[in-house]
Amino acid sequence: MAESIAHFFIDNLGGKVSSELIAFIISLMPVLELRGGLIAAKLMGIQFSKAFVICFIGNLIPIPFILFFIRRIFNWLKKFKKVNKAIDKLEARSIRKAGKVKKYRLFGLFLFVAIPLPGTGAWTGALVADLLDIRVSHSLPTIAAGVLCAGGIMSLLTYAIPGLFGF
């Protein structure tokens, strides 16, 4: 999925904006985050060290906003009947995913963000941290460490291992 979305951005923005900006934009997006950004960066031939920094920063920029404002945004959106059910579903799904985070708190949050699996990552981790009332001063550095770890795993998968085989 990340590869096809990366191709979409490359095909539609390539030549109009820099490859670095495309990787940055992809890293800002929920679901794709740093994982998708690194895949796109590799596809566009961006040097690893530059790609890692761009994608790491891009993935972290939205997180403080989520931690500080998501509850207010959700409460405001719940006033609209059409959106209320969707918000309730999103909160319920996040709480279901929060089982390990709830049990292990910060270490669980770190692992939730660090292991690059579908449905995990910094965006969902920030939502879970807020729903579990984990203080921003604790959750933000934990999420950042998780993104750093996920970046290491994804770097191996996108840059190091394919490089060993000449891809």
C-alpha atoms as a PDB file:
ATOM      1  CA  MET A   1       0.000   0.000   0.000  1.00  0.00           C
ATOM      2  CA  ALA A   2       2.737   2.476   0.959  1.00  0.00           C
ATOM      3  CA  GLU A   3       4.506   1.803  -2.311  1.00  0.00           C
ATOM      4  CA  SER A   4       1.399   2.502  -4.407  1.00  0.00           C
ATOM      5  CA  ILE A   5       0.696   5.723  -2.487  1.00  0.00           C
ATOM      6  CA  ALA A   6       4.319   6.732  -2.926  1.00  0.00           C
ATOM      7  CA  HIS A   7       3.961   6.143  -6.670  1.00  0.00           C
ATOM      8  CA  PHE A   8       0.792   8.272  -6.654  1.00  0.00           C
ATOM      9  CA  PHE A   9       2.686  11.196  -5.110  1.00  0.00           C
ATOM     10  CA  ILE A  10       5.703  10.698  -7.335  1.00  0.00           C
ATOM     11  CA  ASP A  11       3.538  10.547 -10.474  1.00  0.00           C
ATOM     12  CA  ASN A  12       1.444  13.583  -9.527  1.00  0.00           C
ATOM     13  CA  LEU A  13       4.013  15.777  -7.798  1.00  0.00           C
ATOM     14  CA  GLY A  14       7.280  14.558  -9.298  1.00  0.00           C
ATOM     15  CA  GLY A  15       9.049  17.403 -11.053  1.00  0.00           C
ATOM     16  CA  LYS A  16       6.781  19.976  -9.362  1.00  0.00           C
ATOM     17  CA  VAL A  17       8.240  19.504  -5.890  1.00  0.00           C
ATOM     18  CA  SER A  18      11.401  17.881  -4.620  1.00  0.00           C
ATOM     19  CA  SER A  19      11.627  14.193  -3.781  1.00  0.00           C
ATOM     20  CA  GLU A  20      12.496  15.180  -0.231  1.00  0.00           C
ATOM     21  CA  LEU A  21       9.246  17.134   0.095  1.00  0.00           C
ATOM     22  CA  ILE A  22       7.255  14.151  -1.184  1.00  0.00           C
ATOM     23  CA  ALA A  23       8.889  11.866   1.421  1.00  0.00           C
ATOM     24  CA  PHE A  24       8.196  14.504   4.094  1.00  0.00           C
ATOM     25  CA  ILE A  25       4.508  14.818   3.124  1.00  0.00           C
ATOM     26  CA  ILE A  26       4.059  11.045   3.150  1.00  0.00           C
ATOM     27  CA  SER A  27       5.665  10.880   6.614  1.00  0.00           C
ATOM     28  CA  LEU A  28       3.160  13.434   7.914  1.00  0.00           C
ATOM     29  CA  MET A  29       0.192  11.281   6.912  1.00  0.00           C
ATOM     30  CA  PRO A  30      -1.632   8.914   9.267  1.00  0.00           C
ATOM     31  CA  VAL A  31      -1.199   5.192   8.538  1.00  0.00           C
ATOM     32  CA  LEU A  32       1.809   5.795   6.228  1.00  0.00           C
ATOM     33  CA  GLU A  33       3.959   7.842   8.586  1.00  0.00           C
ATOM     34  CA  LEU A  34       7.740   7.305   8.631  1.00  0.00           C
ATOM     35  CA  ARG A  35       7.308   3.781   7.265  1.00  0.00           C
ATOM     36  CA  GLY A  36       5.724   4.969   4.033  1.00  0.00           C
ATOM     37  CA  GLY A  37       8.043   7.948   3.844  1.00  0.00           C
ATOM     38  CA  LEU A  38      11.150   5.756   3.936  1.00  0.00           C
ATOM     39  CA  ILE A  39       9.741   3.462   1.255  1.00  0.00           C
ATOM     40  CA  ALA A  40       8.995   6.475  -0.946  1.00  0.00           C
ATOM     41  CA  ALA A  41      12.427   7.964  -0.244  1.00  0.00           C
ATOM     42  CA  LYS A  42      14.119   4.731  -1.314  1.00  0.00           C
ATOM     43  CA  LEU A  43      11.997   4.562  -4.479  1.00  0.00           C
ATOM     44  CA  MET A  44      12.999   8.145  -5.319  1.00  0.00           C
ATOM     45  CA  GLY A  45      16.693   7.504  -4.654  1.00  0.00           C
ATOM     46  CA  ILE A  46      17.072   9.799  -1.650  1.00  0.00           C
ATOM     47  CA  GLN A  47      20.264   9.151   0.310  1.00  0.00           C
ATOM     48  CA  PHE A  48      19.546   7.179   3.507  1.00  0.00           C
ATOM     49  CA  SER A  49      20.748   9.672   6.130  1.00  0.00           C
ATOM     50  CA  LYS A  50      18.810  12.540   4.544  1.00  0.00           C
ATOM     51  CA  ALA A  51      15.708  10.347   4.115  1.00  0.00           C
ATOM     52  CA  PHE A  52      15.786   9.182   7.727  1.00  0.00           C
ATOM     53  CA  VAL A  53      15.960  12.708   9.149  1.00  0.00           C
ATOM     54  CA  ILE A  54      13.233  14.011   6.811  1.00  0.00           C
ATOM     55  CA  CYS A  55      10.876  11.123   7.573  1.00  0.00           C
ATOM     56  CA  PHE A  56      11.541  11.159  11.321  1.00  0.00           C
ATOM     57  CA  ILE A  57      10.781  14.877  11.579  1.00  0.00           C
ATOM     58  CA  GLY A  58       7.771  14.546   9.281  1.00  0.00           C
ATOM     59  CA  ASN A  59       6.328  11.743  11.396  1.00  0.00           C
ATOM     60  CA  LEU A  60       6.786  13.638  14.667  1.00  0.00           C
ATOM     61  CA  ILE A  61       5.397  17.047  13.663  1.00  0.00           C
ATOM     62  CA  PRO A  62       1.691  16.093  14.038  1.00  0.00           C
ATOM     63  CA  ILE A  63       2.126  14.217  17.331  1.00  0.00           C
ATOM     64  CA  PRO A  64       2.144  17.148  19.811  1.00  0.00           C
ATOM     65  CA  PHE A  65      -0.979  18.518  18.116  1.00  0.00           C
ATOM     66  CA  ILE A  66      -2.708  15.163  18.481  1.00  0.00           C
ATOM     67  CA  LEU A  67      -1.673  14.885  22.118  1.00  0.00           C
ATOM     68  CA  PHE A  68      -2.823  18.404  22.981  1.00  0.00           C
ATOM     69  CA  PHE A  69      -5.949  18.781  20.853  1.00  0.00           C
ATOM     70  CA  ILE A  70      -7.482  15.441  19.834  1.00  0.00           C
ATOM     71  CA  ARG A  71      -9.869  15.224  22.755  1.00  0.00           C
ATOM     72  CA  ARG A  72     -11.170  18.742  22.117  1.00  0.00           C
ATOM     73  CA  ILE A  73     -11.543  17.993  18.412  1.00  0.00           C
ATOM     74  CA  PHE A  74     -13.364  14.733  19.132  1.00  0.00           C
ATOM     75  CA  ASN A  75     -15.702  16.446  21.619  1.00  0.00           C
ATOM     76  CA  TRP A  76     -16.493  19.134  19.064  1.00  0.00           C
ATOM     77  CA  LEU A  77     -17.049  16.584  16.281  1.00  0.00           C
ATOM     78  CA  LYS A  78     -19.366  14.529  18.492  1.00  0.00           C
ATOM     79  CA  LYS A  79     -21.845  17.385  18.321  1.00  0.00           C
ATOM     80  CA  PHE A  80     -22.572  16.382  14.719  1.00  0.00           C
ATOM     81  CA  LYS A  81     -24.785  13.299  14.419  1.00  0.00           C
ATOM     82  CA  LYS A  82     -23.171  12.035  11.220  1.00  0.00           C
ATOM     83  CA  VAL A  83     -19.674  12.148  12.694  1.00  0.00           C
ATOM     84  CA  ASN A  84     -20.485  11.097  16.268  1.00  0.00           C
ATOM     85  CA  LYS A  85     -20.663   7.364  15.466  1.00  0.00           C
ATOM     86  CA  ALA A  86     -17.409   7.461  13.515  1.00  0.00           C
ATOM     87  CA  ILE A  87     -15.611   9.145  16.421  1.00  0.00           C
ATOM     88  CA  ASP A  88     -17.048   6.610  18.871  1.00  0.00           C
ATOM     89  CA  LYS A  89     -15.824   3.760  16.613  1.00  0.00           C
ATOM     90  CA  LEU A  90     -12.368   5.315  16.329  1.00  0.00           C
ATOM     91  CA  GLU A  91     -12.108   5.735  20.096  1.00  0.00           C
ATOM     92  CA  ALA A  92     -13.356   2.188  20.717  1.00  0.00           C
ATOM     93  CA  ARG A  93     -10.909   0.746  18.175  1.00  0.00           C
ATOM     94  CA  SER A  94      -8.047   2.683  19.738  1.00  0.00           C
ATOM     95  CA  ILE A  95      -8.972   1.474  23.223  1.00  0.00           C
ATOM     96  CA  ARG A  96      -9.082  -2.135  21.950  1.00  0.00           C
ATOM     97  CA  LYS A  97      -5.603  -1.718  20.497  1.00  0.00           C
ATOM     98  CA  ALA A  98      -4.453  -0.183  23.772  1.00  0.00           C
ATOM     99  CA  GLY A  99      -4.525  -3.436  25.757  1.00  0.00           C
ATOM    100  CA  LYS A 100      -0.765  -3.880  26.010  1.00  0.00           C
ATOM    101  CA  VAL A 101      -0.224  -0.153  26.339  1.00  0.00           C
ATOM    102  CA  LYS A 102      -2.661  -0.046  29.250  1.00  0.00           C
ATOM    103  CA  LYS A 103      -0.877  -2.929  30.975  1.00  0.00           C
ATOM    104  CA  TYR A 104       2.711  -1.741  30.482  1.00  0.00           C
ATOM    105  CA  ARG A 105       2.068   2.043  30.158  1.00  0.00           C
ATOM    106  CA  LEU A 106       5.152   3.764  28.698  1.00  0.00           C
ATOM    107  CA  PHE A 107       6.972   0.598  27.654  1.00  0.00           C
ATOM    108  CA  GLY A 108       3.775  -0.652  26.038  1.00  0.00           C
ATOM    109  CA  LEU A 109       3.351   2.683  24.250  1.00  0.00           C
ATOM    110  CA  PHE A 110       6.955   2.511  23.051  1.00  0.00           C
ATOM    111  CA  LEU A 111       6.471  -1.013  21.662  1.00  0.00           C
ATOM    112  CA  PHE A 112       3.141  -0.077  20.081  1.00  0.00           C
ATOM    113  CA  VAL A 113       4.800   2.728  18.133  1.00  0.00           C
ATOM    114  CA  ALA A 114       8.146   0.991  17.528  1.00  0.00           C
ATOM    115  CA  ILE A 115       6.979  -2.235  15.922  1.00  0.00           C
ATOM    116  CA  PRO A 116       5.979  -1.393  12.350  1.00  0.00           C
ATOM    117  CA  LEU A 117       2.752  -3.333  11.964  1.00  0.00           C
ATOM    118  CA  PRO A 118      -0.525  -2.239  10.381  1.00  0.00           C
ATOM    119  CA  GLY A 119      -2.601  -0.154  12.785  1.00  0.00           C
ATOM    120  CA  THR A 120       0.335   0.864  14.947  1.00  0.00           C
ATOM    121  CA  GLY A 121       2.494   3.959  14.793  1.00  0.00           C
ATOM    122  CA  ALA A 122       2.858   7.434  16.200  1.00  0.00           C
ATOM    123  CA  TRP A 123      -0.599   8.722  15.230  1.00  0.00           C
ATOM    124  CA  THR A 124      -2.462   5.830  16.832  1.00  0.00           C
ATOM    125  CA  GLY A 125       0.010   5.785  19.721  1.00  0.00           C
ATOM    126  CA  ALA A 126      -0.704   9.460  20.411  1.00  0.00           C
ATOM    127  CA  LEU A 127      -4.439   8.804  20.319  1.00  0.00           C
ATOM    128  CA  VAL A 128      -4.059   5.839  22.685  1.00  0.00           C
ATOM    129  CA  ALA A 129      -1.829   7.878  25.028  1.00  0.00           C
ATOM    130  CA  ASP A 130      -4.434  10.618  25.175  1.00  0.00           C
ATOM    131  CA  LEU A 131      -7.329   8.217  25.732  1.00  0.00           C
ATOM    132  CA  LEU A 132      -5.372   6.518  28.537  1.00  0.00           C
ATOM    133  CA  ASP A 133      -4.504   9.900  30.092  1.00  0.00           C
ATOM    134  CA  ILE A 134      -0.746   9.436  29.780  1.00  0.00           C
ATOM    135  CA  ARG A 135       0.843  12.834  30.376  1.00  0.00           C
ATOM    136  CA  VAL A 136       2.249  14.599  27.307  1.00  0.00           C
ATOM    137  CA  SER A 137       5.581  15.051  29.075  1.00  0.00           C
ATOM    138  CA  HIS A 138       5.838  11.243  29.245  1.00  0.00           C
ATOM    139  CA  SER A 139       4.083  10.192  26.056  1.00  0.00           C
ATOM    140  CA  LEU A 140       5.820  12.551  23.600  1.00  0.00           C
ATOM    141  CA  PRO A 141       9.389  11.341  24.308  1.00  0.00           C
ATOM    142  CA  THR A 142       8.157   7.743  24.412  1.00  0.00           C
ATOM    143  CA  ILE A 143       6.454   8.102  21.031  1.00  0.00           C
ATOM    144  CA  ALA A 144       9.557   9.817  19.603  1.00  0.00           C
ATOM    145  CA  ALA A 145      11.707   6.897  20.808  1.00  0.00           C
ATOM    146  CA  GLY A 146       9.224   4.463  19.250  1.00  0.00           C
ATOM    147  CA  VAL A 147       9.378   6.316  15.918  1.00  0.00           C
ATOM    148  CA  LEU A 148      13.175   6.217  16.096  1.00  0.00           C
ATOM    149  CA  CYS A 149      13.079   2.456  16.654  1.00  0.00           C
ATOM    150  CA  ALA A 150      10.496   1.937  13.892  1.00  0.00           C
ATOM    151  CA  GLY A 151      12.750   4.020  11.667  1.00  0.00           C
ATOM    152  CA  GLY A 152      15.647   1.691  12.426  1.00  0.00           C
ATOM    153  CA  ILE A 153      13.577  -1.370  11.555  1.00  0.00           C
ATOM    154  CA  MET A 154      12.243   0.211   8.376  1.00  0.00           C
ATOM    155  CA  SER A 155      15.729   1.391   7.416  1.00  0.00           C
ATOM    156  CA  LEU A 156      16.927  -2.188   7.557  1.00  0.00           C
ATOM    157  CA  LEU A 157      13.990  -3.324   5.436  1.00  0.00           C
ATOM    158  CA  THR A 158      14.157  -0.536   2.854  1.00  0.00           C
ATOM    159  CA  TYR A 159      17.822   0.429   2.635  1.00  0.00           C
ATOM    160  CA  ALA A 160      20.162  -2.091   4.287  1.00  0.00           C
ATOM    161  CA  ILE A 161      18.800  -5.523   3.321  1.00  0.00           C
ATOM    162  CA  PRO A 162      17.957  -4.601  -0.307  1.00  0.00           C
ATOM    163  CA  GLY A 163      21.416  -2.992  -0.535  1.00  0.00           C
ATOM    164  CA  LEU A 164      23.015  -6.302   0.421  1.00  0.00           C
ATOM    165  CA  PHE A 165      21.345  -7.929  -2.550  1.00  0.00           C
ATOM    166  CA  GLY A 166      22.009  -5.087  -4.981  1.00  0.00           C
ATOM    167  CA  PHE A 167      18.461  -3.694  -5.156  1.00  0.00           C
END
